[in-house]
Amino acid sequence: MGVYWDYYLTYLACRSGDGAYYYPERLTRYRVHELSETHISGSGNAKAQIRKGKSGIFCYEHFLADPQLQKHRSYFTQKLAQANTTLGIGLIRYGRVAEARPYLFRALSQNFSLRTVAALMLSVIPQQLVNPFEISSRREIIQQTKVHSKLH
């Protein structure tokens, strides 16, 4: 369940009917800081995206398998697709492109998303073209070549 531990724990408490009730006073504070998993996974950190994707898949597959949650099936299917896409993008960024594709195809079979289509397209393009540093370096070389040509 990984980074979704609080989400899954809430599900278990609600599912069992034990241990959860409303308490009107503030018991905790929630904040996002530079080292929080929420911040890291949203900033494009590949390892954090992989953790978040795997955790989301774990939770949403369990929610979809729960007979008591069937009226929310379309919502959880959409969230499962997003988790598969997040995992796929993390794997691509980590250089495990072939491993990412099944997650992206699975996401598309669950819910159509332009984000997923874009990630899938990036997974079939040669990685030298996908890497933004490689692209910017090539652009700089081309520009330098043009400037050099004009000078001579």
Foldseek 3Di string as FASTA:
>chain_A
DFPCVVVVVVVVCVVVVPDDDDDPDDDDDDDDDCPDLVNCLVVQQLVSLLRQLVVLLVRLVVLCPDPVNVVCNLVSLLSNLVSLLSNLSSCVVVVNLVVSQVSLVSSCVSPDDPSSVVSNVCSPPPVCVVPPVSVVVVVVVVVVVVVVVVVD
